[in-house]
Amino acid sequence: MGHVLARLAGYGIVLTPHWPYMFERHQAGADAVRVTRWTPSGPAQVVIQPRQLTDGGDVVDVADGPSHPCWFVETSAFRLRWPTQFTVESPQDQGDDTLFYLHGPGEATIFPQGPVSKERLADPHAVVAAGQTVLDQRVADDGSRLIELGYQHNEEPWWQGHWMIPYDSDRFLVFTAQALLAHSTQTREAAEVVAASFERCQ
C-alpha cells in the first residue's frame, strides 16, 4: 500500500484507500461510495455502503469510524465536508505532496495548500498571478480571507478563488478552487462548503 494522506470518514466507518485512488459517490444523491484504485493492470473498484464493515480487498481498508451522517475528508491535521458532485482523488505523481484533490464539473479542482505564514500573505494580492484580474475580495469576522480572480487559459475564461483560513496564530491554510468560468458558481459553492466545515484535528 502506498503512502496515503487522506481518508473518508462518516456513517460509522473510515475508508483508508490504497494509493493512487479516487472516491466518488456511487449514484447521484446516494451515500454509497465507489472507491477506485489505479493499478498497472487497470482500475480496481469496490462500492462501500454506509454503516457496513465491508471487505475492501486491495482497494480500500474499512474500519469503525465516527457516526456523523455525512462524509468528511480527513487528514492527520484537519477534516472537512466532502462536497457533492466532486470526487476525492490522490495525486497521481508520488512527488506531488498535495494532500488530495477535489475534482468536479467544468474541469473544477479544489485543493489545500500550506499552512502558509501570514507574513507571506500580508499583501492581499500575494496570490494573484500575472494575467489574473481581481474580481472580488473579502475578509470575514474570524480573519478568513477570500480573493476571487478571473483569467484566460487556452483561450477560455476561467475563475479562481483562494480561501485563506486561520490555521494558528501565525499561519493560514489556503484552499484554492478553479474552474471554467461557466462552472464557477457551482465550484464556489463547493469551496464554501469546504471552508465553512474546516476543522483542525486535535
Protein backbone atom coordinates (compact mmCIF):
# COMPACT_ATOMS: atom_id res chain seq x y z
CA MET A 1 0.00 0.00 0.00
CA GLY A 2 1.37 3.40 -0.97
CA HIS A 3 1.52 6.44 1.26
CA VAL A 4 -1.99 7.88 1.69
CA LEU A 5 -2.53 11.38 3.08
CA ALA A 6 -6.34 11.49 3.22
CA ARG A 7 -9.23 9.19 4.07
CA LEU A 8 -13.04 9.32 4.14
CA ALA A 9 -14.96 9.10 7.42
CA GLY A 10 -18.64 9.04 8.32
CA TYR A 11 -21.68 6.80 8.83
CA GLY A 12 -19.80 4.76 11.43
CA ILE A 13 -16.87 3.81 9.20
CA VAL A 14 -13.49 5.06 8.00
CA LEU A 15 -12.24 4.37 4.48
CA THR A 16 -8.47 4.39 4.04
CA PRO A 17 -7.68 3.94 0.35
CA HIS A 18 -4.69 2.33 -1.33
CA TRP A 19 -2.73 4.80 -3.47
CA PRO A 20 -3.40 6.01 -6.11
CA TYR A 21 -7.13 6.28 -5.52
CA MET A 22 -10.42 8.05 -6.22
CA PHE A 23 -13.58 8.32 -4.11
CA GLU A 24 -16.82 9.10 -5.91
CA ARG A 25 -20.46 8.91 -4.92
CA HIS A 26 -21.93 5.74 -6.36
CA GLN A 27 -25.17 7.41 -7.53
CA ALA A 28 -26.41 10.99 -7.51
CA GLY A 29 -27.72 11.84 -4.06
CA ALA A 30 -26.62 8.49 -2.59
CA ASP A 31 -24.30 7.95 0.36
CA ALA A 32 -22.65 4.83 -1.08
CA VAL A 33 -19.07 5.38 -2.24
CA ARG A 34 -17.28 3.84 -5.21
CA VAL A 35 -13.57 3.57 -4.49
CA THR A 36 -11.14 3.15 -7.38
CA ARG A 37 -7.51 2.15 -7.09
CA TRP A 38 -5.41 2.66 -10.19
CA THR A 39 -3.15 -0.34 -10.82
CA PRO A 40 -0.73 -1.23 -13.65
CA SER A 41 -3.31 -3.71 -14.96
CA GLY A 42 -6.18 -1.20 -14.83
CA PRO A 43 -8.64 0.25 -12.30
CA ALA A 44 -9.79 -1.91 -9.37
CA GLN A 45 -13.09 -0.84 -7.82
CA VAL A 46 -15.32 -1.59 -4.86
CA VAL A 47 -18.58 0.01 -3.69
CA ILE A 48 -18.87 0.70 0.03
CA GLN A 49 -22.28 1.14 1.65
CA PRO A 50 -22.65 3.40 4.71
CA ARG A 51 -22.55 1.74 8.12
CA GLN A 52 -21.24 -1.55 6.69
CA LEU A 53 -17.85 -3.03 7.54
CA THR A 54 -17.29 -4.41 4.06
CA ASP A 55 -14.09 -6.09 2.91
CA GLY A 56 -12.46 -3.55 0.60
CA GLY A 57 -9.84 -6.01 -0.65
CA ASP A 58 -6.75 -4.38 -2.14
CA VAL A 59 -8.66 -1.17 -2.89
CA VAL A 60 -9.58 0.30 0.49
CA ASP A 61 -9.36 -0.58 4.19
CA VAL A 62 -12.69 -0.30 6.05
CA ALA A 63 -12.76 0.19 9.83
CA ASP A 64 -15.04 1.51 12.56
CA GLY A 65 -15.34 5.29 12.48
CA PRO A 66 -17.34 8.34 13.57
CA SER A 67 -21.14 8.14 13.38
CA HIS A 68 -21.92 11.55 11.84
CA PRO A 69 -24.42 11.19 8.94
CA CYS A 70 -22.21 12.67 6.24
CA TRP A 71 -18.78 12.09 4.72
CA PHE A 72 -15.73 14.02 5.86
CA VAL A 73 -12.36 14.07 4.13
CA GLU A 74 -9.81 13.63 6.92
CA THR A 75 -6.06 14.16 7.07
CA SER A 76 -3.78 13.92 10.08
CA ALA A 77 -4.14 17.68 10.59
CA PHE A 78 -7.72 18.62 9.63
CA ARG A 79 -11.06 17.47 8.28
CA LEU A 80 -13.78 18.98 6.07
CA ARG A 81 -17.09 18.05 4.48
CA TRP A 82 -16.96 16.25 1.14
CA PRO A 83 -18.91 18.50 -1.26
CA THR A 84 -21.44 16.81 -3.53
CA GLN A 85 -20.67 16.38 -7.23
CA PHE A 86 -16.93 16.31 -6.51
CA THR A 87 -14.60 13.33 -6.38
CA VAL A 88 -11.75 12.98 -3.88
CA GLU A 89 -8.52 11.96 -5.59
CA SER A 90 -4.91 11.39 -4.67
CA PRO A 91 -2.09 12.99 -6.62
CA GLN A 92 -1.05 10.65 -9.41
CA ASP A 93 2.61 11.63 -9.03
CA GLN A 94 4.35 10.44 -5.85
CA GLY A 95 6.40 13.65 -5.97
CA ASP A 96 3.25 15.76 -5.57
CA ASP A 97 2.83 16.49 -1.86
CA THR A 98 -0.71 17.90 -2.19
CA LEU A 99 -2.83 16.06 0.39
CA PHE A 100 -5.76 15.47 -2.01
CA TYR A 101 -7.70 16.99 -4.89
CA LEU A 102 -11.43 17.53 -5.24
CA HIS A 103 -12.49 17.33 -8.91
CA GLY A 104 -15.84 18.45 -10.29
CA PRO A 105 -17.68 19.59 -13.43
CA GLY A 106 -16.16 22.16 -15.77
CA GLU A 107 -12.61 20.98 -15.06
CA ALA A 108 -13.11 22.20 -11.49
CA THR A 109 -10.41 21.49 -8.91
CA ILE A 110 -10.22 22.34 -5.19
CA PHE A 111 -7.10 21.58 -3.18
CA PRO A 112 -5.36 22.60 0.08
CA GLN A 113 -2.03 24.40 0.32
CA GLY A 114 0.10 25.15 3.35
CA PRO A 115 -0.12 26.04 6.12
CA VAL A 116 1.40 29.31 4.87
CA SER A 117 2.81 32.02 7.12
CA LYS A 118 0.52 35.03 7.50
CA GLU A 119 3.52 37.22 6.77
CA ARG A 120 3.79 35.74 3.26
CA LEU A 121 0.13 36.56 2.64
CA ALA A 122 0.17 40.00 4.26
CA ASP A 123 -0.21 41.57 0.83
CA PRO A 124 -3.78 40.67 -0.28
CA HIS A 125 -2.52 40.36 -3.86
CA ALA A 126 0.25 37.87 -2.99
CA VAL A 127 -1.76 35.06 -4.61
CA VAL A 128 -2.55 36.99 -7.80
CA ALA A 129 -0.56 35.66 -10.77
CA ALA A 130 0.39 37.53 -13.92
CA GLY A 131 -2.59 37.89 -16.25
CA GLN A 132 -5.17 37.47 -13.49
CA THR A 133 -7.77 40.12 -12.62
CA VAL A 134 -9.21 40.57 -9.12
CA LEU A 135 -12.98 40.08 -9.25
CA ASP A 136 -13.77 40.25 -5.53
CA GLN A 137 -12.09 40.07 -2.13
CA ARG A 138 -13.50 39.80 1.38
CA VAL A 139 -12.37 39.42 4.98
CA ALA A 140 -14.62 37.57 7.45
CA ASP A 141 -15.05 38.28 11.15
CA ASP A 142 -12.93 35.22 12.04
CA GLY A 143 -9.99 36.54 9.99
CA SER A 144 -10.58 34.29 6.98
CA ARG A 145 -9.90 35.90 3.63
CA LEU A 146 -11.18 35.24 0.14
CA ILE A 147 -9.96 36.59 -3.16
CA GLU A 148 -11.59 35.71 -6.48
CA LEU A 149 -9.78 36.05 -9.79
CA GLY A 150 -10.53 35.88 -13.49
CA TYR A 151 -8.12 34.90 -16.25
CA GLN A 152 -7.80 33.35 -19.69
CA HIS A 153 -6.46 29.83 -20.20
CA ASN A 154 -6.33 28.13 -23.59
CA GLU A 155 -8.42 31.00 -24.94
CA GLU A 156 -11.25 30.26 -22.49
CA PRO A 157 -12.39 32.31 -19.48
CA TRP A 158 -11.53 30.78 -16.11
CA TRP A 159 -12.30 31.60 -12.49
CA GLN A 160 -10.11 31.02 -9.43
CA GLY A 161 -10.66 31.59 -5.73
CA HIS A 162 -8.32 31.40 -2.74
CA TRP A 163 -9.82 30.83 0.73
CA MET A 164 -7.25 31.71 3.40
CA ILE A 165 -8.35 30.19 6.71
CA PRO A 166 -6.57 30.89 10.02
CA TYR A 167 -4.72 27.70 10.97
CA ASP A 168 -3.00 29.01 14.08
CA SER A 169 -1.80 32.41 15.29
CA ASP A 170 0.87 32.71 12.58
CA ARG A 171 -0.39 30.71 9.59
CA PHE A 172 -3.20 30.28 7.08
CA LEU A 173 -4.34 27.10 5.39
CA VAL A 174 -5.21 28.01 1.80
CA PHE A 175 -7.88 26.27 -0.25
CA THR A 176 -7.59 27.07 -3.94
CA ALA A 177 -10.55 26.45 -6.26
CA GLN A 178 -10.58 26.90 -10.00
CA ALA A 179 -12.87 26.06 -12.91
CA LEU A 180 -14.07 27.22 -16.28
CA LEU A 181 -15.97 30.45 -15.69
CA ALA A 182 -19.26 28.83 -16.71
CA HIS A 183 -18.91 26.44 -13.75
CA SER A 184 -17.66 29.00 -11.24
CA THR A 185 -20.91 29.23 -9.25
CA GLN A 186 -21.03 25.50 -8.51
CA THR A 187 -17.30 25.41 -7.74
CA ARG A 188 -17.54 28.44 -5.45
CA GLU A 189 -20.42 26.79 -3.55
CA ALA A 190 -18.36 23.62 -3.08
CA ALA A 191 -15.37 25.62 -1.88
CA GLU A 192 -17.61 27.43 0.59
CA VAL A 193 -18.69 24.06 2.00
CA VAL A 194 -15.03 23.11 2.36
CA ALA A 195 -14.07 26.38 4.05
CA ALA A 196 -17.10 26.51 6.36
CA SER A 197 -16.67 22.90 7.56
CA PHE A 198 -12.88 23.03 8.06
CA GLU A 199 -11.81 21.77 11.49
CA ARG A 200 -8.35 21.12 12.85
CA CYS A 201 -7.80 17.67 14.31
CA GLN A 202 -6.73 17.63 17.94
